[in-house]
C-alpha cells in the first residue's frame, strides 16, 4: 500500500477541524463587542476571513489535484493504489467541493441582500 493512504479517521479528523474553525469564526461574528471595535480590528477580521477563505479554496484545489493523481495512477495500473483509496479520495473531493460551493452561495446571497438595503 502507498504512503498516501487516506484513512477514514484522518478524513473525520479533518472534517472536525474544519467544523471547529467555522465555529470559531461564527463566534467571533456574534460577539457584541465587535459592533464597537475600531477600524483596525475590523480590518484584522476582514483579513482573517479572506485568509480563511483563500486557504479553504486552496485546500479544496489541493484535494482535487491529489484525487486526480490517484485516479491517473489507478488507471495506469499502479499496484500500490487500491480502488478503495481512489473512491475515498473522489468522495472527499466531491464533499469538499460541494461545501465550498455552498459557502460561495451564502456569500453571494449575503452580498445581494446588503446591496439591496436602502441607504
Protein backbone atom coordinates (compact mmCIF):
# COMPACT_ATOMS: atom_id res chain seq x y z
CA UNK A 1 0.00 0.00 0.00
CA UNK A 2 1.28 3.52 -0.73
CA UNK A 3 2.22 6.22 1.75
CA UNK A 4 -0.64 8.48 0.66
CA UNK A 5 -3.37 6.21 2.02
CA UNK A 6 -6.45 8.12 3.12
CA UNK A 7 -7.90 6.76 6.33
CA UNK A 8 -11.45 7.21 7.50
CA UNK A 9 -10.21 8.54 10.83
CA UNK A 10 -7.98 11.07 9.06
CA UNK A 11 -10.93 12.24 6.98
CA UNK A 12 -13.13 12.58 10.06
CA UNK A 13 -10.40 14.45 11.92
CA UNK A 14 -10.04 16.93 9.05
CA UNK A 15 -13.80 17.44 8.91
CA UNK A 16 -13.93 18.05 12.67
CA UNK A 17 -11.05 20.54 12.45
CA UNK A 18 -12.83 22.43 9.68
CA UNK A 19 -16.01 22.43 11.75
CA UNK A 20 -14.17 23.86 14.75
CA UNK A 21 -12.65 26.59 12.56
CA UNK A 22 -16.09 27.63 11.34
CA UNK A 23 -17.49 27.59 14.88
CA UNK A 24 -14.68 29.90 15.98
CA UNK A 25 -15.40 32.20 13.06
CA UNK A 26 -19.13 32.23 13.85
CA UNK A 27 -18.44 33.06 17.49
CA UNK A 28 -16.22 35.97 16.50
CA UNK A 29 -19.03 37.43 14.38
CA UNK A 30 -21.72 37.06 17.04
CA UNK A 31 -19.88 38.76 19.90
CA UNK A 32 -21.48 42.12 20.75
CA UNK A 33 -18.15 43.82 21.33
CA UNK A 34 -17.43 43.52 17.59
CA UNK A 35 -20.01 46.24 16.98
CA UNK A 36 -17.82 48.76 18.79
CA UNK A 37 -14.39 47.71 17.51
CA UNK A 38 -12.03 50.11 15.85
CA UNK A 39 -11.34 50.20 12.13
CA UNK A 40 -8.04 48.42 12.75
CA UNK A 41 -9.79 45.45 14.35
CA UNK A 42 -12.36 45.33 11.55
CA UNK A 43 -9.52 45.16 9.05
CA UNK A 44 -7.95 42.31 11.03
CA UNK A 45 -11.27 40.45 10.98
CA UNK A 46 -11.64 41.02 7.24
CA UNK A 47 -8.07 39.84 6.65
CA UNK A 48 -8.59 36.74 8.75
CA UNK A 49 -11.83 35.96 6.89
CA UNK A 50 -10.20 36.44 3.50
CA UNK A 51 -7.22 34.37 4.59
CA UNK A 52 -9.51 31.60 5.82
CA UNK A 53 -11.47 31.70 2.56
CA UNK A 54 -8.32 31.61 0.43
CA UNK A 55 -6.83 28.75 2.41
CA UNK A 56 -10.10 26.81 2.17
CA UNK A 57 -10.23 27.26 -1.60
CA UNK A 58 -6.58 26.23 -1.90
CA UNK A 59 -7.23 23.17 0.26
CA UNK A 60 -10.16 22.11 -1.96
CA UNK A 61 -7.93 22.59 -5.00
CA UNK A 62 -5.16 20.51 -3.42
CA UNK A 63 -7.62 17.73 -2.59
CA UNK A 64 -8.89 17.70 -6.17
CA UNK A 65 -5.34 17.64 -7.56
CA UNK A 66 -4.39 14.75 -5.27
CA UNK A 67 -7.55 12.88 -6.33
CA UNK A 68 -6.69 13.37 -10.00
CA UNK A 69 -3.19 11.97 -9.41
CA UNK A 70 -4.63 8.91 -7.64
CA UNK A 71 -7.14 8.36 -10.45
CA UNK A 72 -4.41 8.58 -13.09
CA UNK A 73 -2.16 6.20 -11.16
CA UNK A 74 -5.00 3.70 -10.78
CA UNK A 75 -5.90 3.97 -14.46
CA UNK A 76 -2.28 3.30 -15.41
CA UNK A 77 -2.40 0.11 -13.37
CA UNK A 78 -0.25 1.11 -10.37
CA UNK A 79 -0.50 -1.84 -7.94
CA UNK A 80 0.13 0.45 -4.93
CA UNK A 81 -3.15 2.36 -5.49
CA UNK A 82 -6.19 0.37 -4.33
CA UNK A 83 -9.63 1.19 -5.71
CA UNK A 84 -10.94 1.87 -2.20
CA UNK A 85 -8.38 4.65 -1.75
CA UNK A 86 -9.33 6.19 -5.10
CA UNK A 87 -13.02 6.06 -4.27
CA UNK A 88 -12.45 7.63 -0.83
CA UNK A 89 -10.40 10.41 -2.41
CA UNK A 90 -13.11 11.03 -5.00
CA UNK A 91 -15.79 11.28 -2.31
CA UNK A 92 -13.63 13.58 -0.20
CA UNK A 93 -13.03 15.78 -3.22
CA UNK A 94 -16.72 15.89 -4.05
CA UNK A 95 -17.79 16.71 -0.50
CA UNK A 96 -15.19 19.45 -0.12
CA UNK A 97 -16.18 21.00 -3.46
CA UNK A 98 -19.89 20.92 -2.56
CA UNK A 99 -19.15 22.51 0.82
CA UNK A 100 -17.13 25.27 -0.85
CA UNK A 101 -19.95 25.79 -3.36
CA UNK A 102 -22.45 26.23 -0.51
CA UNK A 103 -20.16 28.76 1.19
CA UNK A 104 -19.88 30.68 -2.08
CA UNK A 105 -23.66 30.67 -2.48
CA UNK A 106 -24.14 32.03 1.05
CA UNK A 107 -21.59 34.78 0.43
CA UNK A 108 -23.27 35.79 -2.82
CA UNK A 109 -26.68 35.80 -1.14
CA UNK A 110 -25.41 37.96 1.73
CA UNK A 111 -23.79 40.36 -0.74
CA UNK A 112 -27.03 40.66 -2.71
CA UNK A 113 -29.02 41.34 0.47
CA UNK A 114 -26.57 44.02 1.54
CA UNK A 115 -26.65 45.66 -1.89
CA UNK A 116 -30.47 45.73 -1.85
CA UNK A 117 -30.62 47.52 1.54
CA UNK A 118 -31.75 51.13 1.40
CA UNK A 119 -29.09 53.62 2.43
